[in-house]
Amino acid sequence: MIFNKSIQNDFVKDIERHVQNNGGTYIDAILGMCEKFDIEPEACARFLTKPIIEKVAVEGININLLDKKESKLPI
């Protein structure tokens, strides 16, 4: 599937709509949209917006898929 700006916007809106209407996580919504559009998650990753990526990162940290980025002052 070839993404243009219009399809990218629809894809992101569908992800947001899915999370709002059905609950669940952004990770699940993205995987569901990838299955619906028959594309690999790796291929759609570059078309996600920064807010979606940040939300996925927070979910990943919460379920221990990603390391927490702790900011510590040097003592």
PDB file of N, CA and C in Angstrom:
ATOM      1  N   MET A   1       0.840  -1.172   0.000  1.00  0.00           N
ATOM      2  CA  MET A   1       0.000   0.000   0.000  1.00  0.00           C
ATOM      3  C   MET A   1       0.887   1.238   0.000  1.00  0.00           C
ATOM      4  N   ILE A   2       0.584   2.173  -0.853  1.00  0.00           N
ATOM      5  CA  ILE A   2       1.339   3.403  -0.941  1.00  0.00           C
ATOM      6  C   ILE A   2       0.607   4.467  -0.126  1.00  0.00           C
ATOM      7  N   PHE A   3       1.334   5.105   0.774  1.00  0.00           N
ATOM      8  CA  PHE A   3       0.753   6.146   1.606  1.00  0.00           C
ATOM      9  C   PHE A   3       1.010   7.501   0.978  1.00  0.00           C
ATOM     10  N   ASN A   4      -0.043   8.264   0.813  1.00  0.00           N
ATOM     11  CA  ASN A   4       0.137   9.674   0.505  1.00  0.00           C
ATOM     12  C   ASN A   4      -0.383  10.457   1.708  1.00  0.00           C
ATOM     13  N   LYS A   5      -0.315  11.756   1.668  1.00  0.00           N
ATOM     14  CA  LYS A   5      -0.679  12.575   2.833  1.00  0.00           C
ATOM     15  C   LYS A   5      -2.133  12.346   3.241  1.00  0.00           C
ATOM     16  N   SER A   6      -3.011  12.188   2.283  1.00  0.00           N
ATOM     17  CA  SER A   6      -4.428  11.967   2.571  1.00  0.00           C
ATOM     18  C   SER A   6      -4.650  10.638   3.285  1.00  0.00           C
ATOM     19  N   ILE A   7      -4.009   9.601   2.788  1.00  0.00           N
ATOM     20  CA  ILE A   7      -4.145   8.277   3.405  1.00  0.00           C
ATOM     21  C   ILE A   7      -3.503   8.278   4.783  1.00  0.00           C
ATOM     22  N   GLN A   8      -2.383   8.980   4.931  1.00  0.00           N
ATOM     23  CA  GLN A   8      -1.723   9.070   6.229  1.00  0.00           C
ATOM     24  C   GLN A   8      -2.655   9.722   7.244  1.00  0.00           C
ATOM     25  N   ASN A   9      -3.300  10.818   6.860  1.00  0.00           N
ATOM     26  CA  ASN A   9      -4.220  11.495   7.769  1.00  0.00           C
ATOM     27  C   ASN A   9      -5.392  10.592   8.139  1.00  0.00           C
ATOM     28  N   ASP A  10      -5.942   9.868   7.166  1.00  0.00           N
ATOM     29  CA  ASP A  10      -7.042   8.943   7.433  1.00  0.00           C
ATOM     30  C   ASP A  10      -6.598   7.819   8.352  1.00  0.00           C
ATOM     31  N   PHE A  11      -5.398   7.316   8.140  1.00  0.00           N
ATOM     32  CA  PHE A  11      -4.848   6.234   8.950  1.00  0.00           C
ATOM     33  C   PHE A  11      -4.729   6.672  10.412  1.00  0.00           C
ATOM     34  N   VAL A  12      -4.179   7.865  10.629  1.00  0.00           N
ATOM     35  CA  VAL A  12      -4.007   8.387  11.990  1.00  0.00           C
ATOM     36  C   VAL A  12      -5.367   8.664  12.625  1.00  0.00           C
ATOM     37  N   LYS A  13      -6.295   9.223  11.864  1.00  0.00           N
ATOM     38  CA  LYS A  13      -7.634   9.495  12.396  1.00  0.00           C
ATOM     39  C   LYS A  13      -8.345   8.193  12.758  1.00  0.00           C
ATOM     40  N   ASP A  14      -8.175   7.155  11.942  1.00  0.00           N
ATOM     41  CA  ASP A  14      -8.778   5.853  12.244  1.00  0.00           C
ATOM     42  C   ASP A  14      -8.215   5.270  13.537  1.00  0.00           C
ATOM     43  N   ILE A  15      -6.920   5.450  13.771  1.00  0.00           N
ATOM     44  CA  ILE A  15      -6.296   4.969  15.001  1.00  0.00           C
ATOM     45  C   ILE A  15      -6.893   5.705  16.202  1.00  0.00           C
ATOM     46  N   GLU A  16      -6.954   7.023  16.114  1.00  0.00           N
ATOM     47  CA  GLU A  16      -7.519   7.824  17.204  1.00  0.00           C
ATOM     48  C   GLU A  16      -8.982   7.445  17.460  1.00  0.00           C
ATOM     49  N   ARG A  17      -9.751   7.317  16.397  1.00  0.00           N
ATOM     50  CA  ARG A  17     -11.170   6.968  16.504  1.00  0.00           C
ATOM     51  C   ARG A  17     -11.351   5.597  17.139  1.00  0.00           C
ATOM     52  N   HIS A  18     -10.517   4.651  16.756  1.00  0.00           N
ATOM     53  CA  HIS A  18     -10.604   3.299  17.302  1.00  0.00           C
ATOM     54  C   HIS A  18     -10.361   3.300  18.806  1.00  0.00           C
ATOM     55  N   VAL A  19      -9.345   4.042  19.249  1.00  0.00           N
ATOM     56  CA  VAL A  19      -9.027   4.104  20.681  1.00  0.00           C
ATOM     57  C   VAL A  19     -10.158   4.791  21.447  1.00  0.00           C
ATOM     58  N   GLN A  20     -10.715   5.872  20.894  1.00  0.00           N
ATOM     59  CA  GLN A  20     -11.780   6.593  21.573  1.00  0.00           C
ATOM     60  C   GLN A  20     -13.065   5.765  21.651  1.00  0.00           C
ATOM     61  N   ASN A  21     -13.412   5.091  20.574  1.00  0.00           N
ATOM     62  CA  ASN A  21     -14.675   4.355  20.531  1.00  0.00           C
ATOM     63  C   ASN A  21     -14.606   2.997  21.209  1.00  0.00           C
ATOM     64  N   ASN A  22     -13.495   2.301  21.063  1.00  0.00           N
ATOM     65  CA  ASN A  22     -13.402   0.927  21.536  1.00  0.00           C
ATOM     66  C   ASN A  22     -12.542   0.765  22.780  1.00  0.00           C
ATOM     67  N   GLY A  23     -11.891   1.835  23.197  1.00  0.00           N
ATOM     68  CA  GLY A  23     -10.964   1.708  24.311  1.00  0.00           C
ATOM     69  C   GLY A  23      -9.722   0.970  23.843  1.00  0.00           C
ATOM     70  N   GLY A  24      -9.021   0.384  24.752  1.00  0.00           N
ATOM     71  CA  GLY A  24      -7.814  -0.340  24.387  1.00  0.00           C
ATOM     72  C   GLY A  24      -6.629   0.586  24.256  1.00  0.00           C
ATOM     73  N   THR A  25      -5.587   0.065  23.680  1.00  0.00           N
ATOM     74  CA  THR A  25      -4.336   0.811  23.590  1.00  0.00           C
ATOM     75  C   THR A  25      -4.080   1.261  22.156  1.00  0.00           C
ATOM     76  N   TYR A  26      -3.182   2.213  22.043  1.00  0.00           N
ATOM     77  CA  TYR A  26      -2.783   2.670  20.712  1.00  0.00           C
ATOM     78  C   TYR A  26      -2.023   1.568  19.983  1.00  0.00           C
ATOM     79  N   ILE A  27      -1.282   0.778  20.724  1.00  0.00           N
ATOM     80  CA  ILE A  27      -0.548  -0.332  20.102  1.00  0.00           C
ATOM     81  C   ILE A  27      -1.522  -1.292  19.444  1.00  0.00           C
ATOM     82  N   ASP A  28      -2.591  -1.661  20.157  1.00  0.00           N
ATOM     83  CA  ASP A  28      -3.597  -2.558  19.593  1.00  0.00           C
ATOM     84  C   ASP A  28      -4.303  -1.929  18.399  1.00  0.00           C
ATOM     85  N   ALA A  29      -4.601  -0.634  18.502  1.00  0.00           N
ATOM     86  CA  ALA A  29      -5.277   0.061  17.409  1.00  0.00           C
ATOM     87  C   ALA A  29      -4.403   0.092  16.151  1.00  0.00           C
ATOM     88  N   ILE A  30      -3.116   0.365  16.329  1.00  0.00           N
ATOM     89  CA  ILE A  30      -2.205   0.408  15.179  1.00  0.00           C
ATOM     90  C   ILE A  30      -2.101  -0.961  14.532  1.00  0.00           C
ATOM     91  N   LEU A  31      -1.959  -1.995  15.353  1.00  0.00           N
ATOM     92  CA  LEU A  31      -1.873  -3.349  14.790  1.00  0.00           C
ATOM     93  C   LEU A  31      -3.164  -3.733  14.085  1.00  0.00           C
ATOM     94  N   GLY A  32      -4.297  -3.320  14.636  1.00  0.00           N
ATOM     95  CA  GLY A  32      -5.587  -3.589  13.987  1.00  0.00           C
ATOM     96  C   GLY A  32      -5.704  -2.879  12.653  1.00  0.00           C
ATOM     97  N   MET A  33      -5.254  -1.625  12.594  1.00  0.00           N
ATOM     98  CA  MET A  33      -5.306  -0.877  11.343  1.00  0.00           C
ATOM     99  C   MET A  33      -4.350  -1.477  10.315  1.00  0.00           C
ATOM    100  N   CYS A  34      -3.202  -1.940  10.768  1.00  0.00           N
ATOM    101  CA  CYS A  34      -2.255  -2.584   9.850  1.00  0.00           C
ATOM    102  C   CYS A  34      -2.877  -3.835   9.248  1.00  0.00           C
ATOM    103  N   GLU A  35      -3.574  -4.588  10.084  1.00  0.00           N
ATOM    104  CA  GLU A  35      -4.239  -5.797   9.584  1.00  0.00           C
ATOM    105  C   GLU A  35      -5.355  -5.423   8.612  1.00  0.00           C
ATOM    106  N   LYS A  36      -6.118  -4.380   8.946  1.00  0.00           N
ATOM    107  CA  LYS A  36      -7.224  -3.927   8.090  1.00  0.00           C
ATOM    108  C   LYS A  36      -6.719  -3.472   6.720  1.00  0.00           C
ATOM    109  N   PHE A  37      -5.616  -2.721   6.707  1.00  0.00           N
ATOM    110  CA  PHE A  37      -5.060  -2.210   5.458  1.00  0.00           C
ATOM    111  C   PHE A  37      -4.057  -3.161   4.813  1.00  0.00           C
ATOM    112  N   ASP A  38      -3.830  -4.312   5.458  1.00  0.00           N
ATOM    113  CA  ASP A  38      -2.925  -5.341   4.943  1.00  0.00           C
ATOM    114  C   ASP A  38      -1.513  -4.800   4.700  1.00  0.00           C
ATOM    115  N   ILE A  39      -0.962  -4.168   5.751  1.00  0.00           N
ATOM    116  CA  ILE A  39       0.406  -3.669   5.684  1.00  0.00           C
ATOM    117  C   ILE A  39       1.160  -4.118   6.929  1.00  0.00           C
ATOM    118  N   GLU A  40       2.457  -4.136   6.827  1.00  0.00           N
ATOM    119  CA  GLU A  40       3.306  -4.522   7.947  1.00  0.00           C
ATOM    120  C   GLU A  40       3.433  -3.350   8.911  1.00  0.00           C
ATOM    121  N   PRO A  41       3.452  -3.620  10.219  1.00  0.00           N
ATOM    122  CA  PRO A  41       3.614  -2.529  11.191  1.00  0.00           C
ATOM    123  C   PRO A  41       4.893  -1.715  10.973  1.00  0.00           C
ATOM    124  N   GLU A  42       5.955  -2.365  10.544  1.00  0.00           N
ATOM    125  CA  GLU A  42       7.201  -1.652  10.287  1.00  0.00           C
ATOM    126  C   GLU A  42       7.032  -0.633   9.169  1.00  0.00           C
ATOM    127  N   ALA A  43       6.183  -0.958   8.204  1.00  0.00           N
ATOM    128  CA  ALA A  43       5.979  -0.060   7.068  1.00  0.00           C
ATOM    129  C   ALA A  43       5.150   1.156   7.458  1.00  0.00           C
ATOM    130  N   CYS A  44       4.224   0.995   8.378  1.00  0.00           N
ATOM    131  CA  CYS A  44       3.366   2.122   8.749  1.00  0.00           C
ATOM    132  C   CYS A  44       4.002   3.001   9.813  1.00  0.00           C
ATOM    133  N   ALA A  45       5.037   2.529  10.474  1.00  0.00           N
ATOM    134  CA  ALA A  45       5.634   3.266  11.585  1.00  0.00           C
ATOM    135  C   ALA A  45       6.107   4.657  11.176  1.00  0.00           C
ATOM    136  N   ARG A  46       6.641   4.793   9.996  1.00  0.00           N
ATOM    137  CA  ARG A  46       7.167   6.093   9.587  1.00  0.00           C
ATOM    138  C   ARG A  46       6.062   7.089   9.243  1.00  0.00           C
ATOM    139  N   PHE A  47       4.818   6.614   9.159  1.00  0.00           N
ATOM    140  CA  PHE A  47       3.708   7.496   8.832  1.00  0.00           C
ATOM    141  C   PHE A  47       2.908   7.930  10.047  1.00  0.00           C
ATOM    142  N   LEU A  48       3.301   7.469  11.226  1.00  0.00           N
ATOM    143  CA  LEU A  48       2.620   7.872  12.443  1.00  0.00           C
ATOM    144  C   LEU A  48       3.064   9.272  12.839  1.00  0.00           C
ATOM    145  N   THR A  49       2.148   9.998  13.425  1.00  0.00           N
ATOM    146  CA  THR A  49       2.470  11.356  13.859  1.00  0.00           C
ATOM    147  C   THR A  49       3.205  11.314  15.193  1.00  0.00           C
ATOM    148  N   LYS A  50       3.853  12.423  15.527  1.00  0.00           N
ATOM    149  CA  LYS A  50       4.620  12.494  16.771  1.00  0.00           C
ATOM    150  C   LYS A  50       3.739  12.244  18.001  1.00  0.00           C
ATOM    151  N   PRO A  51       2.527  12.812  18.086  1.00  0.00           N
ATOM    152  CA  PRO A  51       1.693  12.522  19.259  1.00  0.00           C
ATOM    153  C   PRO A  51       1.348  11.035  19.405  1.00  0.00           C
ATOM    154  N   ILE A  52       1.103  10.357  18.302  1.00  0.00           N
ATOM    155  CA  ILE A  52       0.798   8.920  18.355  1.00  0.00           C
ATOM    156  C   ILE A  52       2.035   8.159  18.819  1.00  0.00           C
ATOM    157  N   ILE A  53       3.197   8.514  18.301  1.00  0.00           N
ATOM    158  CA  ILE A  53       4.439   7.840  18.693  1.00  0.00           C
ATOM    159  C   ILE A  53       4.694   8.028  20.185  1.00  0.00           C
ATOM    160  N   GLU A  54       4.445   9.230  20.696  1.00  0.00           N
ATOM    161  CA  GLU A  54       4.632   9.480  22.123  1.00  0.00           C
ATOM    162  C   GLU A  54       3.670   8.652  22.970  1.00  0.00           C
ATOM    163  N   LYS A  55       2.436   8.526  22.523  1.00  0.00           N
ATOM    164  CA  LYS A  55       1.445   7.724  23.258  1.00  0.00           C
ATOM    165  C   LYS A  55       1.825   6.247  23.250  1.00  0.00           C
ATOM    166  N   VAL A  56       2.333   5.776  22.127  1.00  0.00           N
ATOM    167  CA  VAL A  56       2.785   4.380  22.039  1.00  0.00           C
ATOM    168  C   VAL A  56       3.987   4.166  22.952  1.00  0.00           C
ATOM    169  N   ALA A  57       4.881   5.141  23.010  1.00  0.00           N
ATOM    170  CA  ALA A  57       6.055   5.033  23.882  1.00  0.00           C
ATOM    171  C   ALA A  57       5.641   4.949  25.344  1.00  0.00           C
ATOM    172  N   VAL A  58       4.675   5.756  25.748  1.00  0.00           N
ATOM    173  CA  VAL A  58       4.189   5.718  27.131  1.00  0.00           C
ATOM    174  C   VAL A  58       3.556   4.358  27.422  1.00  0.00           C
ATOM    175  N   GLU A  59       2.763   3.850  26.490  1.00  0.00           N
ATOM    176  CA  GLU A  59       2.175   2.520  26.675  1.00  0.00           C
ATOM    177  C   GLU A  59       3.256   1.456  26.782  1.00  0.00           C
ATOM    178  N   GLY A  60       4.278   1.565  25.947  1.00  0.00           N
ATOM    179  CA  GLY A  60       5.380   0.604  25.982  1.00  0.00           C
ATOM    180  C   GLY A  60       6.111   0.618  27.308  1.00  0.00           C
ATOM    181  N   ILE A  61       6.302   1.803  27.866  1.00  0.00           N
ATOM    182  CA  ILE A  61       6.947   1.913  29.177  1.00  0.00           C
ATOM    183  C   ILE A  61       6.048   1.309  30.252  1.00  0.00           C
ATOM    184  N   ASN A  62       4.746   1.592  30.180  1.00  0.00           N
ATOM    185  CA  ASN A  62       3.811   1.094  31.189  1.00  0.00           C
ATOM    186  C   ASN A  62       3.704  -0.423  31.216  1.00  0.00           C
ATOM    187  N   ILE A  63       3.891  -1.062  30.067  1.00  0.00           N
ATOM    188  CA  ILE A  63       3.799  -2.528  30.038  1.00  0.00           C
ATOM    189  C   ILE A  63       5.177  -3.176  29.933  1.00  0.00           C
ATOM    190  N   ASN A  64       6.191  -2.390  30.254  1.00  0.00           N
ATOM    191  CA  ASN A  64       7.582  -2.861  30.328  1.00  0.00           C
ATOM    192  C   ASN A  64       8.141  -3.386  29.009  1.00  0.00           C
ATOM    193  N   LEU A  65       7.688  -2.829  27.910  1.00  0.00           N
ATOM    194  CA  LEU A  65       8.297  -3.143  26.617  1.00  0.00           C
ATOM    195  C   LEU A  65       9.480  -2.228  26.347  1.00  0.00           C
ATOM    196  N   LEU A  66       9.433  -1.030  26.913  1.00  0.00           N
ATOM    197  CA  LEU A  66      10.511  -0.057  26.749  1.00  0.00           C
ATOM    198  C   LEU A  66      11.064   0.302  28.117  1.00  0.00           C
ATOM    199  N   ASP A  67      12.341   0.655  28.143  1.00  0.00           N
ATOM    200  CA  ASP A  67      12.955   1.100  29.390  1.00  0.00           C
ATOM    201  C   ASP A  67      12.471   2.494  29.739  1.00  0.00           C
ATOM    202  N   LYS A  68      12.333   2.733  31.028  1.00  0.00           N
ATOM    203  CA  LYS A  68      11.981   4.072  31.491  1.00  0.00           C
ATOM    204  C   LYS A  68      13.187   4.973  31.319  1.00  0.00           C
ATOM    205  N   LYS A  69      12.923   6.143  30.842  1.00  0.00           N
ATOM    206  CA  LYS A  69      13.989   7.132  30.688  1.00  0.00           C
ATOM    207  C   LYS A  69      13.982   7.989  31.939  1.00  0.00           C
ATOM    208  N   GLU A  70      14.864   7.658  32.841  1.00  0.00           N
ATOM    209  CA  GLU A  70      14.918   8.392  34.093  1.00  0.00           C
ATOM    210  C   GLU A  70      15.938   9.508  34.002  1.00  0.00           C
ATOM    211  N   SER A  71      15.511  10.666  34.404  1.00  0.00           N
ATOM    212  CA  SER A  71      16.422  11.807  34.440  1.00  0.00           C
ATOM    213  C   SER A  71      16.901  11.964  35.868  1.00  0.00           C
ATOM    214  N   LYS A  72      18.187  11.843  36.066  1.00  0.00           N
ATOM    215  CA  LYS A  72      18.773  11.990  37.390  1.00  0.00           C
ATOM    216  C   LYS A  72      19.821  13.079  37.359  1.00  0.00           C
ATOM    217  N   LEU A  73      19.776  13.891  38.391  1.00  0.00           N
ATOM    218  CA  LEU A  73      20.800  14.909  38.520  1.00  0.00           C
ATOM    219  C   LEU A  73      22.062  14.291  39.092  1.00  0.00           C
ATOM    220  N   PRO A  74      23.200  14.703  38.605  1.00  0.00           N
ATOM    221  CA  PRO A  74      24.444  14.169  39.178  1.00  0.00           C
ATOM    222  C   PRO A  74      24.623  14.671  40.599  1.00  0.00           C
ATOM    223  N   ILE A  75      24.953  13.761  41.470  1.00  0.00           N
ATOM    224  CA  ILE A  75      25.121  14.112  42.890  1.00  0.00           C
ATOM    225  C   ILE A  75      26.571  14.011  43.256  1.00  0.00           C
TER     226      ILE A  75
END
